[in-house]
N, C-alpha and C. Protein backbone atom coordinates (compact mmCIF):
# COMPACT_ATOMS: atom_id res chain seq x y z
N MET A 1 -28.78 8.16 16.46
CA MET A 1 -27.62 7.57 17.17
C MET A 1 -26.45 7.43 16.22
N SER A 2 -25.26 7.83 16.65
CA SER A 2 -24.08 7.77 15.80
C SER A 2 -23.64 6.33 15.59
N VAL A 3 -23.13 6.05 14.42
CA VAL A 3 -22.60 4.73 14.10
C VAL A 3 -21.10 4.74 14.38
N PRO A 4 -20.58 3.80 15.16
CA PRO A 4 -19.15 3.82 15.49
C PRO A 4 -18.31 3.51 14.25
N PRO A 5 -17.12 4.10 14.16
CA PRO A 5 -16.21 3.74 13.07
C PRO A 5 -15.75 2.30 13.24
N ASN A 6 -15.48 1.63 12.15
CA ASN A 6 -15.08 0.23 12.24
C ASN A 6 -13.63 0.07 12.67
N LEU A 7 -12.74 0.93 12.15
CA LEU A 7 -11.31 0.78 12.44
C LEU A 7 -10.66 2.13 12.68
N VAL A 8 -9.95 2.24 13.80
CA VAL A 8 -9.13 3.41 14.09
C VAL A 8 -7.71 2.94 14.35
N ALA A 9 -6.80 3.88 14.49
CA ALA A 9 -5.40 3.52 14.70
C ALA A 9 -4.80 4.29 15.87
N VAL A 10 -3.94 3.63 16.60
CA VAL A 10 -3.09 4.27 17.62
C VAL A 10 -1.65 4.07 17.15
N ILE A 11 -0.99 5.17 16.84
CA ILE A 11 0.39 5.13 16.36
C ILE A 11 1.30 5.57 17.49
N VAL A 12 2.14 4.66 17.94
CA VAL A 12 2.95 4.88 19.15
C VAL A 12 4.33 5.38 18.73
N ALA A 13 4.65 6.60 19.15
CA ALA A 13 5.93 7.23 18.80
C ALA A 13 6.48 7.97 20.01
N ALA A 14 6.45 7.31 21.16
CA ALA A 14 6.87 7.95 22.40
C ALA A 14 8.19 7.42 22.93
N GLY A 15 8.91 6.64 22.12
CA GLY A 15 10.16 6.03 22.58
C GLY A 15 11.31 7.03 22.66
N SER A 16 12.40 6.57 23.26
CA SER A 16 13.55 7.45 23.49
C SER A 16 14.66 7.28 22.45
N SER A 17 14.54 6.29 21.54
CA SER A 17 15.54 6.04 20.50
C SER A 17 16.92 5.75 21.08
N GLN A 18 16.98 5.07 22.22
CA GLN A 18 18.26 4.82 22.88
C GLN A 18 19.21 3.99 22.01
N ARG A 19 18.69 2.98 21.33
CA ARG A 19 19.55 2.12 20.52
C ARG A 19 20.02 2.83 19.25
N MET A 20 19.29 3.85 18.82
CA MET A 20 19.69 4.60 17.65
C MET A 20 20.80 5.59 17.98
N GLY A 21 20.71 6.21 19.16
CA GLY A 21 21.69 7.21 19.55
C GLY A 21 21.27 8.63 19.20
N PHE A 22 20.22 8.76 18.41
CA PHE A 22 19.64 10.07 18.08
C PHE A 22 18.18 9.84 17.73
N ASP A 23 17.42 10.92 17.60
CA ASP A 23 15.99 10.77 17.40
C ASP A 23 15.69 10.16 16.03
N LYS A 24 15.14 8.96 16.02
CA LYS A 24 14.86 8.28 14.75
C LYS A 24 13.51 8.68 14.17
N LEU A 25 12.61 9.19 14.98
CA LEU A 25 11.27 9.46 14.49
C LEU A 25 11.21 10.65 13.54
N THR A 26 12.19 11.53 13.64
CA THR A 26 12.22 12.68 12.74
C THR A 26 13.42 12.67 11.81
N VAL A 27 14.16 11.56 11.80
CA VAL A 27 15.30 11.48 10.88
C VAL A 27 14.77 11.53 9.45
N PRO A 28 15.43 12.23 8.53
CA PRO A 28 14.91 12.34 7.16
C PRO A 28 15.02 11.02 6.39
N LEU A 29 13.91 10.64 5.75
CA LEU A 29 13.88 9.54 4.80
C LEU A 29 13.39 10.11 3.48
N LEU A 30 14.26 10.17 2.51
CA LEU A 30 13.94 10.81 1.23
C LEU A 30 13.43 12.23 1.43
N GLY A 31 14.01 12.93 2.39
CA GLY A 31 13.69 14.33 2.60
C GLY A 31 12.50 14.61 3.49
N ARG A 32 11.85 13.59 4.01
CA ARG A 32 10.70 13.79 4.90
C ARG A 32 10.96 13.05 6.21
N PRO A 33 10.49 13.61 7.34
CA PRO A 33 10.70 12.92 8.61
C PRO A 33 10.11 11.51 8.59
N LEU A 34 10.80 10.60 9.25
CA LEU A 34 10.37 9.20 9.28
C LEU A 34 8.91 9.05 9.67
N ILE A 35 8.48 9.73 10.73
CA ILE A 35 7.12 9.57 11.23
C ILE A 35 6.09 10.02 10.19
N VAL A 36 6.45 10.92 9.31
CA VAL A 36 5.52 11.38 8.27
C VAL A 36 5.19 10.24 7.31
N HIS A 37 6.16 9.41 6.98
CA HIS A 37 5.90 8.26 6.11
C HIS A 37 4.92 7.30 6.79
N THR A 38 5.07 7.10 8.09
CA THR A 38 4.16 6.23 8.83
C THR A 38 2.75 6.78 8.80
N LEU A 39 2.61 8.06 9.11
CA LEU A 39 1.29 8.68 9.14
C LEU A 39 0.63 8.66 7.77
N ALA A 40 1.42 8.82 6.72
CA ALA A 40 0.87 8.84 5.37
C ALA A 40 0.21 7.51 5.02
N ALA A 41 0.79 6.40 5.47
CA ALA A 41 0.22 5.09 5.16
C ALA A 41 -1.18 4.95 5.75
N PHE A 42 -1.36 5.42 6.99
CA PHE A 42 -2.67 5.31 7.62
C PHE A 42 -3.65 6.33 7.03
N GLN A 43 -3.14 7.50 6.65
CA GLN A 43 -3.98 8.49 5.99
C GLN A 43 -4.58 7.93 4.69
N HIS A 44 -3.77 7.19 3.95
CA HIS A 44 -4.20 6.71 2.64
C HIS A 44 -4.84 5.34 2.66
N CYS A 45 -4.99 4.75 3.85
CA CYS A 45 -5.70 3.47 3.95
C CYS A 45 -7.20 3.74 4.05
N PRO A 46 -8.00 3.30 3.10
CA PRO A 46 -9.43 3.62 3.11
C PRO A 46 -10.19 3.01 4.28
N ASP A 47 -9.64 1.97 4.90
CA ASP A 47 -10.35 1.33 6.01
C ASP A 47 -10.17 2.06 7.34
N VAL A 48 -9.17 2.93 7.44
CA VAL A 48 -8.90 3.64 8.69
C VAL A 48 -9.74 4.90 8.76
N ALA A 49 -10.56 5.00 9.80
CA ALA A 49 -11.44 6.17 9.96
C ALA A 49 -10.69 7.35 10.56
N SER A 50 -9.88 7.09 11.57
CA SER A 50 -9.13 8.17 12.23
C SER A 50 -7.97 7.56 13.00
N ALA A 51 -7.06 8.41 13.44
CA ALA A 51 -5.87 7.93 14.13
C ALA A 51 -5.47 8.90 15.23
N VAL A 52 -4.83 8.34 16.25
CA VAL A 52 -4.23 9.12 17.34
C VAL A 52 -2.74 8.85 17.32
N LEU A 53 -1.96 9.89 17.41
CA LEU A 53 -0.51 9.79 17.47
C LEU A 53 -0.08 10.03 18.91
N VAL A 54 0.65 9.08 19.48
CA VAL A 54 1.14 9.19 20.85
C VAL A 54 2.64 9.46 20.80
N CYS A 55 3.06 10.56 21.40
CA CYS A 55 4.48 10.95 21.32
C CYS A 55 5.01 11.24 22.73
N ALA A 56 6.29 11.55 22.80
CA ALA A 56 6.90 11.90 24.09
C ALA A 56 6.24 13.16 24.65
N ALA A 57 6.16 13.23 25.96
CA ALA A 57 5.39 14.30 26.62
C ALA A 57 5.84 15.69 26.22
N GLY A 58 7.12 15.88 26.01
CA GLY A 58 7.62 17.21 25.70
C GLY A 58 7.61 17.58 24.23
N ARG A 59 7.01 16.72 23.39
CA ARG A 59 7.11 16.94 21.95
C ARG A 59 5.74 17.05 21.26
N VAL A 60 4.69 17.29 22.03
CA VAL A 60 3.35 17.30 21.45
C VAL A 60 3.23 18.36 20.36
N GLY A 61 3.69 19.57 20.64
CA GLY A 61 3.60 20.64 19.65
C GLY A 61 4.35 20.31 18.38
N GLU A 62 5.55 19.75 18.52
CA GLU A 62 6.36 19.37 17.36
C GLU A 62 5.64 18.34 16.49
N PHE A 63 5.06 17.33 17.14
CA PHE A 63 4.40 16.28 16.39
C PHE A 63 3.04 16.73 15.85
N GLN A 64 2.39 17.65 16.52
CA GLN A 64 1.17 18.23 15.95
C GLN A 64 1.46 18.91 14.62
N ALA A 65 2.58 19.61 14.55
CA ALA A 65 2.97 20.28 13.31
C ALA A 65 3.25 19.25 12.21
N LEU A 66 3.91 18.14 12.55
CA LEU A 66 4.21 17.11 11.56
C LEU A 66 2.95 16.40 11.09
N ALA A 67 1.97 16.28 11.96
CA ALA A 67 0.73 15.56 11.62
C ALA A 67 -0.32 16.45 10.98
N ALA A 68 -0.05 17.73 10.87
CA ALA A 68 -1.08 18.68 10.41
C ALA A 68 -1.58 18.39 9.01
N GLU A 69 -0.75 17.79 8.16
CA GLU A 69 -1.17 17.52 6.78
C GLU A 69 -2.02 16.27 6.64
N PHE A 70 -2.26 15.58 7.75
CA PHE A 70 -3.02 14.32 7.70
C PHE A 70 -4.33 14.46 8.48
N PRO A 71 -5.43 14.71 7.80
CA PRO A 71 -6.70 14.96 8.50
C PRO A 71 -7.18 13.81 9.37
N LYS A 72 -6.78 12.59 9.06
CA LYS A 72 -7.24 11.46 9.87
C LYS A 72 -6.59 11.44 11.25
N VAL A 73 -5.48 12.12 11.41
CA VAL A 73 -4.84 12.20 12.74
C VAL A 73 -5.57 13.28 13.53
N THR A 74 -6.52 12.87 14.34
CA THR A 74 -7.39 13.81 15.04
C THR A 74 -6.81 14.30 16.35
N HIS A 75 -5.88 13.54 16.94
CA HIS A 75 -5.29 13.93 18.22
C HIS A 75 -3.82 13.53 18.25
N VAL A 76 -3.03 14.38 18.90
CA VAL A 76 -1.63 14.05 19.24
C VAL A 76 -1.54 14.18 20.75
N VAL A 77 -1.21 13.08 21.44
CA VAL A 77 -1.27 13.07 22.90
C VAL A 77 0.06 12.60 23.47
N PRO A 78 0.39 13.03 24.69
CA PRO A 78 1.63 12.57 25.32
C PRO A 78 1.51 11.13 25.79
N GLY A 79 2.61 10.39 25.68
CA GLY A 79 2.62 9.00 26.10
C GLY A 79 2.98 8.83 27.56
N GLY A 80 3.12 7.57 27.96
CA GLY A 80 3.42 7.25 29.35
C GLY A 80 4.81 6.68 29.51
N LYS A 81 5.07 6.11 30.68
CA LYS A 81 6.39 5.59 31.01
C LYS A 81 6.74 4.37 30.19
N GLU A 82 5.81 3.42 30.11
CA GLU A 82 6.01 2.19 29.36
C GLU A 82 5.19 2.21 28.08
N ARG A 83 5.52 1.29 27.16
CA ARG A 83 4.81 1.26 25.89
C ARG A 83 3.31 1.10 26.09
N PHE A 84 2.92 0.21 27.01
CA PHE A 84 1.50 -0.03 27.17
C PHE A 84 0.79 1.11 27.90
N ASP A 85 1.51 1.92 28.63
CA ASP A 85 0.92 3.15 29.14
C ASP A 85 0.56 4.06 27.97
N SER A 86 1.45 4.12 26.98
CA SER A 86 1.20 4.96 25.82
C SER A 86 0.04 4.43 24.99
N VAL A 87 -0.01 3.11 24.80
CA VAL A 87 -1.13 2.52 24.05
C VAL A 87 -2.45 2.81 24.76
N ARG A 88 -2.46 2.62 26.08
CA ARG A 88 -3.70 2.87 26.83
C ARG A 88 -4.13 4.33 26.70
N LEU A 89 -3.19 5.25 26.82
CA LEU A 89 -3.54 6.67 26.70
C LEU A 89 -4.07 6.98 25.31
N GLY A 90 -3.51 6.33 24.29
CA GLY A 90 -4.03 6.52 22.95
C GLY A 90 -5.44 5.99 22.81
N LEU A 91 -5.69 4.80 23.34
CA LEU A 91 -7.03 4.22 23.27
C LEU A 91 -8.05 5.07 24.01
N GLU A 92 -7.65 5.61 25.13
CA GLU A 92 -8.59 6.39 25.95
C GLU A 92 -8.93 7.74 25.34
N THR A 93 -8.23 8.11 24.28
CA THR A 93 -8.55 9.36 23.58
C THR A 93 -9.87 9.25 22.83
N PHE A 94 -10.21 8.05 22.38
CA PHE A 94 -11.44 7.86 21.61
C PHE A 94 -12.65 7.89 22.53
N THR A 95 -13.71 8.54 22.08
CA THR A 95 -14.93 8.68 22.86
C THR A 95 -16.08 7.96 22.16
N SER A 96 -17.19 7.85 22.85
CA SER A 96 -18.36 7.17 22.33
C SER A 96 -18.90 7.87 21.09
N PRO A 97 -19.36 7.11 20.09
CA PRO A 97 -19.39 5.65 20.03
C PRO A 97 -18.01 5.07 19.73
N LEU A 98 -17.62 4.06 20.51
CA LEU A 98 -16.29 3.48 20.37
C LEU A 98 -16.19 2.66 19.10
N PRO A 99 -15.01 2.62 18.50
CA PRO A 99 -14.83 1.83 17.28
C PRO A 99 -14.88 0.33 17.56
N ASP A 100 -15.07 -0.43 16.50
CA ASP A 100 -15.08 -1.89 16.63
C ASP A 100 -13.67 -2.45 16.76
N PHE A 101 -12.73 -1.92 15.95
CA PHE A 101 -11.36 -2.44 15.92
C PHE A 101 -10.37 -1.30 16.03
N VAL A 102 -9.18 -1.65 16.52
CA VAL A 102 -8.08 -0.68 16.58
C VAL A 102 -6.81 -1.34 16.05
N ALA A 103 -6.07 -0.58 15.26
CA ALA A 103 -4.76 -1.01 14.78
C ALA A 103 -3.70 -0.26 15.57
N VAL A 104 -2.89 -0.97 16.33
CA VAL A 104 -1.78 -0.36 17.06
C VAL A 104 -0.52 -0.54 16.22
N HIS A 105 0.17 0.56 15.98
CA HIS A 105 1.33 0.52 15.08
C HIS A 105 2.50 1.28 15.67
N ASP A 106 3.71 0.74 15.47
CA ASP A 106 4.92 1.42 15.89
C ASP A 106 5.22 2.57 14.94
N GLY A 107 5.39 3.77 15.47
CA GLY A 107 5.70 4.91 14.62
C GLY A 107 6.99 4.73 13.86
N ALA A 108 7.91 3.90 14.36
CA ALA A 108 9.20 3.70 13.72
C ALA A 108 9.18 2.61 12.65
N ARG A 109 7.98 2.24 12.21
CA ARG A 109 7.84 1.32 11.06
C ARG A 109 7.25 2.12 9.90
N PRO A 110 8.08 2.88 9.18
CA PRO A 110 7.57 3.78 8.15
C PRO A 110 7.28 3.11 6.82
N LEU A 111 7.58 1.81 6.69
CA LEU A 111 7.43 1.13 5.40
C LEU A 111 6.11 0.39 5.26
N ILE A 112 5.25 0.47 6.26
CA ILE A 112 3.95 -0.18 6.16
C ILE A 112 3.17 0.42 4.98
N LEU A 113 2.45 -0.43 4.27
CA LEU A 113 1.67 0.01 3.11
C LEU A 113 0.18 0.06 3.45
N PRO A 114 -0.56 1.00 2.88
CA PRO A 114 -2.01 1.06 3.13
C PRO A 114 -2.71 -0.26 2.84
N GLU A 115 -2.32 -0.92 1.75
CA GLU A 115 -2.98 -2.18 1.40
C GLU A 115 -2.67 -3.29 2.39
N THR A 116 -1.50 -3.22 3.04
CA THR A 116 -1.18 -4.21 4.07
C THR A 116 -2.04 -3.99 5.31
N ILE A 117 -2.26 -2.74 5.66
CA ILE A 117 -3.16 -2.43 6.79
C ILE A 117 -4.55 -3.00 6.51
N SER A 118 -5.03 -2.80 5.29
CA SER A 118 -6.36 -3.31 4.91
C SER A 118 -6.40 -4.84 4.95
N ARG A 119 -5.32 -5.47 4.49
CA ARG A 119 -5.28 -6.93 4.49
C ARG A 119 -5.31 -7.47 5.91
N CYS A 120 -4.57 -6.82 6.79
CA CYS A 120 -4.57 -7.23 8.21
C CYS A 120 -5.95 -7.02 8.83
N TYR A 121 -6.60 -5.93 8.47
CA TYR A 121 -7.93 -5.64 9.00
C TYR A 121 -8.95 -6.69 8.56
N GLN A 122 -8.88 -7.11 7.31
CA GLN A 122 -9.81 -8.13 6.83
C GLN A 122 -9.64 -9.43 7.61
N GLU A 123 -8.40 -9.79 7.90
CA GLU A 123 -8.16 -11.00 8.69
C GLU A 123 -8.66 -10.83 10.13
N ALA A 124 -8.50 -9.63 10.68
CA ALA A 124 -8.97 -9.37 12.05
C ALA A 124 -10.49 -9.49 12.12
N LYS A 125 -11.18 -9.04 11.10
CA LYS A 125 -12.65 -9.15 11.10
C LYS A 125 -13.09 -10.60 11.08
N THR A 126 -12.31 -11.45 10.43
CA THR A 126 -12.66 -12.87 10.35
C THR A 126 -12.26 -13.63 11.60
N PHE A 127 -11.06 -13.36 12.12
CA PHE A 127 -10.51 -14.16 13.23
C PHE A 127 -10.57 -13.46 14.58
N GLY A 128 -10.96 -12.18 14.61
CA GLY A 128 -11.03 -11.44 15.87
C GLY A 128 -9.81 -10.60 16.15
N ALA A 129 -8.66 -11.02 15.63
CA ALA A 129 -7.42 -10.26 15.79
C ALA A 129 -6.44 -10.72 14.72
N ALA A 130 -5.55 -9.81 14.30
CA ALA A 130 -4.55 -10.16 13.29
C ALA A 130 -3.31 -9.32 13.51
N VAL A 131 -2.17 -9.86 13.04
CA VAL A 131 -0.89 -9.18 13.22
C VAL A 131 -0.04 -9.36 11.99
N CYS A 132 0.63 -8.30 11.57
CA CYS A 132 1.61 -8.39 10.50
C CYS A 132 2.88 -9.03 11.06
N ALA A 133 3.49 -9.90 10.26
CA ALA A 133 4.66 -10.63 10.75
C ALA A 133 5.44 -11.20 9.58
N GLU A 134 6.65 -11.67 9.89
CA GLU A 134 7.49 -12.35 8.90
C GLU A 134 7.97 -13.66 9.49
N PRO A 135 8.05 -14.72 8.67
CA PRO A 135 8.58 -15.98 9.18
C PRO A 135 10.07 -15.86 9.50
N GLU A 136 10.49 -16.52 10.55
CA GLU A 136 11.90 -16.49 10.94
C GLU A 136 12.72 -17.29 9.93
N THR A 137 13.81 -16.70 9.46
CA THR A 137 14.66 -17.36 8.47
C THR A 137 16.07 -17.62 8.99
N ASP A 138 16.45 -17.01 10.10
CA ASP A 138 17.80 -17.22 10.65
C ASP A 138 17.85 -18.48 11.51
N THR A 139 19.06 -19.02 11.66
CA THR A 139 19.28 -20.09 12.63
C THR A 139 19.26 -19.48 14.03
N LEU A 140 18.55 -20.10 14.94
CA LEU A 140 18.37 -19.57 16.29
C LEU A 140 19.04 -20.48 17.32
N HIS A 141 19.75 -19.87 18.25
CA HIS A 141 20.35 -20.60 19.36
C HIS A 141 20.05 -19.87 20.66
N ARG A 142 19.75 -20.63 21.70
CA ARG A 142 19.64 -20.06 23.04
C ARG A 142 21.03 -20.06 23.66
N VAL A 143 21.35 -18.99 24.40
CA VAL A 143 22.67 -18.88 25.03
C VAL A 143 22.52 -18.79 26.54
N ASP A 144 23.62 -19.02 27.23
CA ASP A 144 23.60 -18.93 28.68
C ASP A 144 24.01 -17.52 29.11
N ALA A 145 24.20 -17.33 30.42
CA ALA A 145 24.53 -16.00 30.95
C ALA A 145 25.86 -15.49 30.43
N GLY A 146 26.73 -16.36 30.00
CA GLY A 146 28.01 -15.96 29.45
C GLY A 146 28.01 -15.81 27.94
N ARG A 147 26.82 -15.86 27.34
CA ARG A 147 26.62 -15.73 25.90
C ARG A 147 27.25 -16.87 25.11
N CYS A 148 27.30 -18.03 25.72
CA CYS A 148 27.74 -19.23 25.01
C CYS A 148 26.52 -20.05 24.61
N THR A 149 26.56 -20.62 23.40
CA THR A 149 25.41 -21.35 22.90
C THR A 149 25.17 -22.61 23.72
N VAL A 150 23.90 -22.89 24.01
CA VAL A 150 23.55 -24.07 24.79
C VAL A 150 22.59 -24.99 24.05
N GLU A 151 21.77 -24.43 23.15
CA GLU A 151 20.86 -25.30 22.39
C GLU A 151 20.32 -24.57 21.17
N ASN A 152 20.00 -25.37 20.17
CA ASN A 152 19.38 -24.85 18.96
C ASN A 152 17.88 -24.73 19.18
N VAL A 153 17.30 -23.64 18.67
CA VAL A 153 15.86 -23.44 18.74
C VAL A 153 15.30 -23.61 17.33
N PRO A 154 14.55 -24.68 17.05
CA PRO A 154 14.02 -24.88 15.70
C PRO A 154 13.17 -23.69 15.26
N ARG A 155 13.39 -23.22 14.05
CA ARG A 155 12.68 -22.03 13.57
C ARG A 155 11.36 -22.36 12.89
N GLN A 156 11.03 -23.64 12.77
CA GLN A 156 9.77 -24.01 12.16
C GLN A 156 8.60 -23.41 12.96
N ASN A 157 7.71 -22.74 12.24
CA ASN A 157 6.53 -22.11 12.83
C ASN A 157 6.86 -20.92 13.73
N LEU A 158 8.08 -20.39 13.65
CA LEU A 158 8.43 -19.18 14.39
C LEU A 158 8.28 -17.96 13.47
N TRP A 159 7.61 -16.93 13.97
CA TRP A 159 7.37 -15.71 13.22
C TRP A 159 7.81 -14.52 14.04
N ARG A 160 8.36 -13.51 13.36
CA ARG A 160 8.75 -12.26 14.01
C ARG A 160 7.58 -11.28 13.93
N MET A 161 7.07 -10.91 15.10
CA MET A 161 5.91 -10.03 15.15
C MET A 161 6.26 -8.61 14.72
N GLN A 162 5.36 -8.00 13.98
CA GLN A 162 5.50 -6.61 13.55
C GLN A 162 4.23 -5.86 13.99
N THR A 163 4.00 -4.73 13.37
CA THR A 163 2.74 -4.01 13.52
C THR A 163 2.34 -3.51 12.14
N PRO A 164 1.05 -3.21 11.91
CA PRO A 164 0.01 -3.09 12.92
C PRO A 164 -0.44 -4.43 13.49
N GLN A 165 -0.93 -4.36 14.72
CA GLN A 165 -1.62 -5.46 15.36
C GLN A 165 -3.05 -4.98 15.59
N ILE A 166 -4.00 -5.68 14.99
CA ILE A 166 -5.38 -5.21 14.96
C ILE A 166 -6.24 -6.13 15.82
N THR A 167 -6.94 -5.54 16.77
CA THR A 167 -7.78 -6.30 17.70
C THR A 167 -9.09 -5.55 17.92
N GLY A 168 -10.02 -6.23 18.60
CA GLY A 168 -11.23 -5.54 19.03
C GLY A 168 -10.88 -4.41 19.98
N PHE A 169 -11.44 -3.24 19.74
CA PHE A 169 -11.06 -2.06 20.51
C PHE A 169 -11.37 -2.23 22.00
N SER A 170 -12.61 -2.53 22.33
CA SER A 170 -13.02 -2.57 23.74
C SER A 170 -12.30 -3.66 24.50
N ARG A 171 -12.08 -4.81 23.84
CA ARG A 171 -11.40 -5.90 24.53
C ARG A 171 -9.96 -5.52 24.84
N LEU A 172 -9.27 -4.92 23.88
CA LEU A 172 -7.88 -4.54 24.12
C LEU A 172 -7.78 -3.50 25.23
N LEU A 173 -8.65 -2.51 25.20
CA LEU A 173 -8.61 -1.48 26.24
C LEU A 173 -8.83 -2.10 27.61
N SER A 174 -9.79 -3.00 27.72
CA SER A 174 -10.06 -3.66 29.01
C SER A 174 -8.86 -4.47 29.48
N LEU A 175 -8.25 -5.22 28.56
CA LEU A 175 -7.11 -6.06 28.94
C LEU A 175 -5.91 -5.23 29.35
N ILE A 176 -5.66 -4.13 28.66
CA ILE A 176 -4.51 -3.29 28.99
C ILE A 176 -4.73 -2.60 30.33
N ARG A 177 -5.95 -2.17 30.60
CA ARG A 177 -6.23 -1.55 31.90
C ARG A 177 -6.00 -2.52 33.05
N ASP A 178 -6.19 -3.82 32.78
CA ASP A 178 -6.04 -4.83 33.82
C ASP A 178 -4.67 -5.50 33.79
N LEU A 179 -3.77 -5.02 32.94
CA LEU A 179 -2.46 -5.65 32.80
C LEU A 179 -1.72 -5.57 34.14
N PRO A 180 -1.36 -6.71 34.74
CA PRO A 180 -0.81 -6.67 36.09
C PRO A 180 0.66 -6.31 36.17
N GLU A 181 1.40 -6.40 35.05
CA GLU A 181 2.84 -6.20 35.15
C GLU A 181 3.40 -5.69 33.84
N ALA A 182 4.56 -5.08 33.93
CA ALA A 182 5.26 -4.64 32.73
C ALA A 182 5.96 -5.83 32.08
N GLY A 183 6.56 -5.60 30.93
CA GLY A 183 7.32 -6.65 30.29
C GLY A 183 6.60 -7.31 29.14
N VAL A 184 5.32 -7.05 28.97
CA VAL A 184 4.58 -7.55 27.82
C VAL A 184 4.79 -6.55 26.69
N THR A 185 5.30 -7.03 25.56
CA THR A 185 5.82 -6.10 24.57
C THR A 185 4.93 -5.85 23.37
N ASP A 186 3.82 -6.58 23.24
CA ASP A 186 2.93 -6.29 22.12
C ASP A 186 1.51 -6.70 22.44
N GLU A 187 0.59 -6.31 21.56
CA GLU A 187 -0.83 -6.54 21.80
C GLU A 187 -1.20 -8.02 21.71
N VAL A 188 -0.52 -8.75 20.82
CA VAL A 188 -0.78 -10.18 20.71
C VAL A 188 -0.48 -10.89 22.02
N SER A 189 0.60 -10.48 22.69
CA SER A 189 0.94 -11.08 23.99
C SER A 189 -0.16 -10.81 25.01
N VAL A 190 -0.75 -9.62 24.96
CA VAL A 190 -1.85 -9.30 25.88
C VAL A 190 -3.04 -10.22 25.61
N LEU A 191 -3.37 -10.41 24.34
CA LEU A 191 -4.48 -11.30 24.00
C LEU A 191 -4.20 -12.73 24.43
N MET A 192 -2.98 -13.19 24.23
CA MET A 192 -2.65 -14.57 24.58
C MET A 192 -2.72 -14.81 26.08
N ARG A 193 -2.36 -13.82 26.86
CA ARG A 193 -2.49 -13.94 28.32
C ARG A 193 -3.93 -14.19 28.73
N ALA A 194 -4.86 -13.68 27.92
CA ALA A 194 -6.29 -13.83 28.22
C ALA A 194 -6.91 -15.00 27.46
N GLY A 195 -6.06 -15.83 26.84
CA GLY A 195 -6.56 -17.00 26.13
C GLY A 195 -6.91 -16.76 24.67
N GLY A 196 -6.59 -15.59 24.16
CA GLY A 196 -6.92 -15.26 22.78
C GLY A 196 -5.81 -15.62 21.81
N ARG A 197 -6.12 -15.45 20.53
CA ARG A 197 -5.14 -15.72 19.47
C ARG A 197 -5.27 -14.64 18.40
N ALA A 198 -4.28 -14.57 17.53
CA ALA A 198 -4.31 -13.63 16.42
C ALA A 198 -3.88 -14.33 15.15
N ARG A 199 -4.49 -13.98 14.05
CA ARG A 199 -4.13 -14.51 12.74
C ARG A 199 -2.90 -13.76 12.23
N VAL A 200 -1.90 -14.50 11.74
CA VAL A 200 -0.67 -13.91 11.23
C VAL A 200 -0.85 -13.55 9.76
N VAL A 201 -0.46 -12.33 9.41
CA VAL A 201 -0.51 -11.84 8.03
C VAL A 201 0.92 -11.59 7.58
N GLU A 202 1.39 -12.32 6.60
CA GLU A 202 2.77 -12.19 6.16
C GLU A 202 2.98 -10.88 5.40
N THR A 203 4.10 -10.20 5.70
CA THR A 203 4.42 -8.93 5.05
C THR A 203 5.79 -9.02 4.38
N PRO A 204 5.88 -9.67 3.24
CA PRO A 204 7.18 -9.85 2.60
C PRO A 204 7.70 -8.60 1.92
N GLU A 205 6.86 -7.56 1.78
CA GLU A 205 7.29 -6.37 1.05
C GLU A 205 8.16 -5.43 1.86
N GLY A 206 8.43 -5.74 3.11
CA GLY A 206 9.29 -4.90 3.94
C GLY A 206 8.48 -4.07 4.92
N ASN A 207 8.68 -4.31 6.20
CA ASN A 207 7.94 -3.60 7.23
C ASN A 207 8.75 -3.58 8.52
N PHE A 208 10.08 -3.47 8.38
CA PHE A 208 10.92 -3.55 9.56
C PHE A 208 10.87 -2.25 10.36
N LYS A 209 11.24 -2.39 11.63
CA LYS A 209 11.28 -1.25 12.54
C LYS A 209 12.66 -0.60 12.45
N VAL A 210 12.71 0.69 12.24
CA VAL A 210 13.97 1.41 12.20
C VAL A 210 14.49 1.51 13.64
N THR A 211 15.57 0.80 13.90
CA THR A 211 16.09 0.68 15.26
C THR A 211 17.53 1.14 15.38
N TYR A 212 18.36 0.80 14.40
CA TYR A 212 19.78 1.13 14.41
C TYR A 212 20.11 2.04 13.23
N PRO A 213 21.23 2.78 13.31
CA PRO A 213 21.60 3.66 12.19
C PRO A 213 21.67 2.94 10.84
N ARG A 214 22.05 1.67 10.84
CA ARG A 214 22.13 0.93 9.58
C ARG A 214 20.77 0.76 8.91
N ASP A 215 19.69 0.90 9.68
CA ASP A 215 18.35 0.71 9.11
C ASP A 215 17.91 1.89 8.24
N ILE A 216 18.53 3.05 8.44
CA ILE A 216 18.08 4.24 7.71
C ILE A 216 18.34 4.14 6.21
N PRO A 217 19.56 3.85 5.77
CA PRO A 217 19.76 3.71 4.32
C PRO A 217 18.96 2.56 3.73
N LEU A 218 18.74 1.50 4.51
CA LEU A 218 17.94 0.38 4.00
C LEU A 218 16.48 0.82 3.79
N ALA A 219 15.94 1.59 4.74
CA ALA A 219 14.57 2.09 4.59
C ALA A 219 14.47 3.02 3.40
N GLU A 220 15.46 3.86 3.21
CA GLU A 220 15.45 4.75 2.05
C GLU A 220 15.50 3.96 0.74
N HIS A 221 16.28 2.89 0.73
CA HIS A 221 16.36 2.07 -0.47
C HIS A 221 14.99 1.45 -0.80
N VAL A 222 14.31 0.96 0.22
CA VAL A 222 12.98 0.38 0.00
C VAL A 222 12.03 1.44 -0.56
N LEU A 223 12.05 2.63 0.02
CA LEU A 223 11.17 3.70 -0.44
C LEU A 223 11.49 4.11 -1.88
N LYS A 224 12.78 4.21 -2.20
CA LYS A 224 13.18 4.57 -3.56
C LYS A 224 12.71 3.51 -4.56
N THR A 225 12.85 2.25 -4.17
CA THR A 225 12.43 1.16 -5.05
C THR A 225 10.93 1.23 -5.32
N ARG A 226 10.17 1.55 -4.30
CA ARG A 226 8.72 1.65 -4.49
C ARG A 226 8.34 2.81 -5.39
N THR A 227 8.97 3.95 -5.21
CA THR A 227 8.60 5.12 -5.98
C THR A 227 9.05 5.01 -7.42
N SER A 228 10.10 4.20 -7.66
CA SER A 228 10.57 4.04 -9.03
C SER A 228 9.76 3.04 -9.82
């Protein structure tokens, strides 16, 4: 009987890059496409057994070529309409024996480090689920429909969720299949709807999502600093 892998990854890269204005997943970072940096981190993480890359439906061939140098990326599959459609399709790619845990990661977070993935995984094994995050440091205000400030939101104990988010594989797949509505934006939210919790793993070394054009030179600066 085959022994299931302990940890696999679903890397979600099926977005439209609307806020960027151009395709951010293949924008060059130090001469290599952004998504290649993301895939490299999971390739070099010793705890990750294999990974599935989920991309836009019309770009499977393109992303297969980009993933060819990473043996752990066993499948490149088309995504769905919403983010959680894409996550579900990625999860359903894995066959028996199913893994114990899955790390879901945004393809547009190219600064994740292999050791951070491992640290998050160790916390998930202890607590059942874990998420990379950063504590909120800005002053927060809630605004009304006219964008006028109405109240201060205390930032104590507020954290900005990142990825990877690592959970039990079978539980996440079951919860996503039963998700009644859109609008849930991450795996931790899915767990919380079902009464679950996740352990927060702080990532002070930089793990932001490339969203706007201004993020590209910042990501390159982080990469240059690491390589130097």
